[in-house]
Structure formats: C-alpha cells, structure tokens
C-alpha cells in the first residue's frame, strides 16, 4: 500500500467544489480545507506507486479549478 498527502491550491473560492469532487474518489481517505499556503490537504491510498502516479496525474490534477499540487509520499506512520 502506498499512501500520500496531496497539498492542493485551487482557484479562489473553489475549495468546497474541489473537495466535493475529491471525496467521490475511492482512493481519497481524508480531505480537509486548510488555511495557509495551501487550500486543501488530501490523504490518498493506492495499491502501487504507479497507481498513485496515475491517480494524481490523470484524475486529481485534471479536476477543474485545481491550480497546483504538491505530493508527499508517506514513508512511515504511527496512528494513535
């Protein structure tokens, strides 16, 4: 399993619309509107690195009103 956080910048005022589209994707496990340098933070999970690449490149980045993304692949995590 490959997990990652995707930090997303949207067009002004499009955060809710983009979030609604993202949560319809089964690979999206969490989606949050945030304040700061990004508009949304999304946690995604896929079976392989290649499916992660396709999800980001072919689905997420092509959504209307997304201006840019930054992806951090999770190397190790501890959930309490």
N, C-alpha and C. Protein backbone atom coordinates (compact mmCIF):
# COMPACT_ATOMS: atom_id res chain seq x y z
N UNK A 1 0.84 -1.18 0.00
CA UNK A 1 0.00 0.00 0.00
C UNK A 1 0.88 1.25 0.00
N UNK A 2 0.51 2.20 -0.83
CA UNK A 2 1.22 3.47 -0.92
C UNK A 2 0.26 4.57 -0.49
N UNK A 3 0.69 5.37 0.49
CA UNK A 3 -0.13 6.47 0.98
C UNK A 3 0.61 7.77 0.79
N UNK A 4 -0.16 8.84 0.60
CA UNK A 4 0.46 10.14 0.40
C UNK A 4 -0.50 11.24 0.83
N UNK A 5 0.09 12.39 1.12
CA UNK A 5 -0.68 13.61 1.32
C UNK A 5 -0.50 14.46 0.07
N UNK A 6 -1.59 15.01 -0.42
CA UNK A 6 -1.54 15.91 -1.57
C UNK A 6 -2.01 17.28 -1.09
N UNK A 7 -1.14 18.26 -1.23
CA UNK A 7 -1.46 19.65 -0.89
C UNK A 7 -1.91 20.33 -2.18
N UNK A 8 -3.07 20.97 -2.13
CA UNK A 8 -3.70 21.48 -3.33
C UNK A 8 -4.00 22.97 -3.22
N UNK A 9 -3.69 23.69 -4.28
CA UNK A 9 -4.11 25.08 -4.43
C UNK A 9 -5.21 25.12 -5.48
N UNK A 10 -6.31 25.81 -5.14
CA UNK A 10 -7.45 25.92 -6.03
C UNK A 10 -7.60 27.37 -6.50
N UNK A 11 -8.49 27.55 -7.45
CA UNK A 11 -8.89 28.91 -7.78
C UNK A 11 -9.60 29.50 -6.56
N UNK A 12 -9.58 30.81 -6.44
CA UNK A 12 -10.19 31.48 -5.29
C UNK A 12 -11.65 31.10 -5.16
N UNK A 13 -12.02 30.64 -3.96
CA UNK A 13 -13.40 30.30 -3.66
C UNK A 13 -13.85 28.93 -4.13
N UNK A 14 -12.96 28.12 -4.70
CA UNK A 14 -13.35 26.83 -5.26
C UNK A 14 -13.07 25.66 -4.32
N UNK A 15 -12.68 25.94 -3.08
CA UNK A 15 -12.27 24.87 -2.17
C UNK A 15 -13.37 23.82 -1.95
N UNK A 16 -14.57 24.26 -1.66
CA UNK A 16 -15.66 23.31 -1.39
C UNK A 16 -15.99 22.47 -2.62
N UNK A 17 -16.03 23.09 -3.77
CA UNK A 17 -16.34 22.39 -5.02
C UNK A 17 -15.29 21.32 -5.33
N UNK A 18 -14.02 21.66 -5.16
CA UNK A 18 -12.95 20.71 -5.41
C UNK A 18 -12.98 19.59 -4.37
N UNK A 19 -13.22 19.94 -3.12
CA UNK A 19 -13.29 18.93 -2.07
C UNK A 19 -14.42 17.94 -2.34
N UNK A 20 -15.57 18.43 -2.77
CA UNK A 20 -16.70 17.55 -3.09
C UNK A 20 -16.34 16.56 -4.20
N UNK A 21 -15.59 17.01 -5.19
CA UNK A 21 -15.17 16.12 -6.29
C UNK A 21 -14.15 15.10 -5.81
N UNK A 22 -13.24 15.53 -4.95
CA UNK A 22 -12.19 14.63 -4.46
C UNK A 22 -12.74 13.49 -3.61
N UNK A 23 -13.68 13.79 -2.73
CA UNK A 23 -14.17 12.76 -1.81
C UNK A 23 -14.99 11.68 -2.53
N UNK A 24 -15.34 11.90 -3.78
CA UNK A 24 -16.02 10.88 -4.57
C UNK A 24 -15.05 9.81 -5.08
N UNK A 25 -13.76 10.09 -5.02
CA UNK A 25 -12.74 9.13 -5.47
C UNK A 25 -12.48 8.14 -4.34
N UNK A 26 -12.56 6.84 -4.61
CA UNK A 26 -12.38 5.85 -3.54
C UNK A 26 -10.98 5.87 -2.91
N UNK A 27 -9.99 6.35 -3.63
CA UNK A 27 -8.62 6.40 -3.09
C UNK A 27 -8.42 7.53 -2.09
N UNK A 28 -9.33 8.49 -2.07
CA UNK A 28 -9.23 9.62 -1.14
C UNK A 28 -9.79 9.18 0.20
N UNK A 29 -8.92 9.17 1.20
CA UNK A 29 -9.30 8.70 2.54
C UNK A 29 -9.71 9.84 3.47
N UNK A 30 -9.13 11.01 3.27
CA UNK A 30 -9.45 12.21 4.05
C UNK A 30 -9.27 13.43 3.16
N UNK A 31 -10.09 14.44 3.38
CA UNK A 31 -9.94 15.70 2.66
C UNK A 31 -10.26 16.83 3.62
N UNK A 32 -9.37 17.81 3.68
CA UNK A 32 -9.51 18.92 4.61
C UNK A 32 -9.26 20.25 3.92
N UNK A 33 -10.11 21.21 4.17
CA UNK A 33 -9.85 22.59 3.77
C UNK A 33 -8.99 23.20 4.86
N UNK A 34 -7.90 23.84 4.48
CA UNK A 34 -6.95 24.37 5.45
C UNK A 34 -6.63 25.83 5.15
N UNK A 35 -6.08 26.51 6.14
CA UNK A 35 -5.59 27.88 5.97
C UNK A 35 -4.08 27.83 5.91
N UNK A 36 -3.49 28.68 5.13
CA UNK A 36 -2.04 28.71 4.98
C UNK A 36 -1.68 28.75 3.51
N UNK A 37 -0.51 28.21 3.16
CA UNK A 37 -0.07 28.29 1.76
C UNK A 37 -0.86 27.39 0.81
N UNK A 38 -1.64 26.45 1.34
CA UNK A 38 -2.46 25.55 0.51
C UNK A 38 -3.92 25.72 0.88
N UNK A 39 -4.79 25.27 -0.01
CA UNK A 39 -6.23 25.36 0.23
C UNK A 39 -6.83 24.06 0.74
N UNK A 40 -6.28 22.93 0.28
CA UNK A 40 -6.77 21.62 0.71
C UNK A 40 -5.60 20.70 0.99
N UNK A 41 -5.80 19.77 1.92
CA UNK A 41 -4.88 18.67 2.16
C UNK A 41 -5.70 17.40 2.03
N UNK A 42 -5.21 16.47 1.21
CA UNK A 42 -5.93 15.24 0.95
C UNK A 42 -5.01 14.06 1.24
N UNK A 43 -5.52 13.08 1.96
CA UNK A 43 -4.77 11.84 2.18
C UNK A 43 -5.32 10.80 1.21
N UNK A 44 -4.40 10.19 0.44
CA UNK A 44 -4.81 9.19 -0.53
C UNK A 44 -4.08 7.88 -0.27
N UNK A 45 -4.68 6.80 -0.76
CA UNK A 45 -4.10 5.48 -0.58
C UNK A 45 -4.34 4.66 -1.85
N UNK A 46 -3.27 4.04 -2.37
CA UNK A 46 -3.37 3.19 -3.56
C UNK A 46 -2.56 1.91 -3.32
N UNK A 47 -2.72 0.96 -4.23
CA UNK A 47 -2.01 -0.32 -4.10
C UNK A 47 -0.55 -0.23 -4.50
N UNK A 48 -0.24 0.60 -5.50
CA UNK A 48 1.12 0.67 -6.03
C UNK A 48 1.53 2.12 -6.28
N UNK A 49 2.82 2.31 -6.45
CA UNK A 49 3.33 3.65 -6.78
C UNK A 49 2.81 4.10 -8.14
N UNK A 50 2.68 3.16 -9.07
CA UNK A 50 2.17 3.50 -10.40
C UNK A 50 0.71 3.95 -10.34
N UNK A 51 -0.10 3.28 -9.53
CA UNK A 51 -1.50 3.71 -9.40
C UNK A 51 -1.60 5.05 -8.69
N UNK A 52 -0.67 5.33 -7.78
CA UNK A 52 -0.61 6.64 -7.14
C UNK A 52 -0.30 7.72 -8.17
N UNK A 53 0.69 7.44 -9.03
CA UNK A 53 1.06 8.40 -10.08
C UNK A 53 -0.12 8.68 -11.00
N UNK A 54 -0.82 7.62 -11.41
CA UNK A 54 -1.96 7.79 -12.31
C UNK A 54 -3.08 8.57 -11.63
N UNK A 55 -3.35 8.27 -10.37
CA UNK A 55 -4.39 8.99 -9.63
C UNK A 55 -4.11 10.48 -9.61
N UNK A 56 -2.88 10.84 -9.28
CA UNK A 56 -2.53 12.26 -9.17
C UNK A 56 -2.50 12.92 -10.56
N UNK A 57 -1.82 12.28 -11.50
CA UNK A 57 -1.64 12.89 -12.82
C UNK A 57 -2.90 12.90 -13.67
N UNK A 58 -3.65 11.80 -13.62
CA UNK A 58 -4.77 11.65 -14.55
C UNK A 58 -6.13 12.00 -13.96
N UNK A 59 -6.24 12.02 -12.64
CA UNK A 59 -7.53 12.34 -12.03
C UNK A 59 -7.48 13.65 -11.23
N UNK A 60 -6.62 13.69 -10.22
CA UNK A 60 -6.63 14.85 -9.32
C UNK A 60 -6.21 16.13 -10.04
N UNK A 61 -5.07 16.11 -10.71
CA UNK A 61 -4.56 17.33 -11.36
C UNK A 61 -5.44 17.81 -12.51
N UNK A 62 -6.27 16.93 -13.04
CA UNK A 62 -7.14 17.31 -14.16
C UNK A 62 -8.50 17.83 -13.70
N UNK A 63 -8.75 17.84 -12.41
CA UNK A 63 -10.01 18.39 -11.92
C UNK A 63 -10.07 19.88 -12.23
N UNK A 64 -11.24 20.37 -12.64
CA UNK A 64 -11.38 21.81 -12.87
C UNK A 64 -11.10 22.59 -11.58
N UNK A 65 -10.51 23.73 -11.72
CA UNK A 65 -10.27 24.70 -10.65
C UNK A 65 -9.12 24.33 -9.73
N UNK A 66 -8.36 23.27 -10.04
CA UNK A 66 -7.12 23.00 -9.30
C UNK A 66 -6.00 23.72 -10.03
N UNK A 67 -5.27 24.56 -9.28
CA UNK A 67 -4.17 25.31 -9.87
C UNK A 67 -2.85 24.57 -9.76
N UNK A 68 -2.59 23.92 -8.60
CA UNK A 68 -1.33 23.21 -8.42
C UNK A 68 -1.46 22.19 -7.30
N UNK A 69 -0.53 21.21 -7.32
CA UNK A 69 -0.49 20.21 -6.25
C UNK A 69 0.96 19.98 -5.83
N UNK A 70 1.12 19.56 -4.60
CA UNK A 70 2.39 19.09 -4.06
C UNK A 70 2.11 17.79 -3.35
N UNK A 71 2.88 16.76 -3.64
CA UNK A 71 2.61 15.44 -3.07
C UNK A 71 3.75 15.02 -2.15
N UNK A 72 3.38 14.52 -0.97
CA UNK A 72 4.34 13.93 -0.03
C UNK A 72 3.95 12.47 0.16
N UNK A 73 4.82 11.55 -0.27
CA UNK A 73 4.56 10.13 -0.08
C UNK A 73 4.96 9.77 1.35
N UNK A 74 4.09 9.05 2.03
CA UNK A 74 4.33 8.68 3.43
C UNK A 74 5.31 7.51 3.47
N UNK A 75 6.43 7.69 4.17
CA UNK A 75 7.44 6.65 4.30
C UNK A 75 7.13 5.74 5.49
N UNK A 76 6.61 6.32 6.57
CA UNK A 76 6.30 5.55 7.78
C UNK A 76 5.33 6.36 8.59
N UNK A 77 4.37 5.69 9.22
CA UNK A 77 3.44 6.44 10.05
C UNK A 77 3.06 5.62 11.28
N UNK A 78 2.66 6.33 12.31
CA UNK A 78 2.14 5.73 13.53
C UNK A 78 0.80 6.41 13.79
N UNK A 79 -0.23 5.63 13.91
CA UNK A 79 -1.55 6.18 14.18
C UNK A 79 -1.91 5.82 15.61
N UNK A 80 -2.29 6.83 16.38
CA UNK A 80 -2.66 6.61 17.79
C UNK A 80 -4.15 6.56 17.92
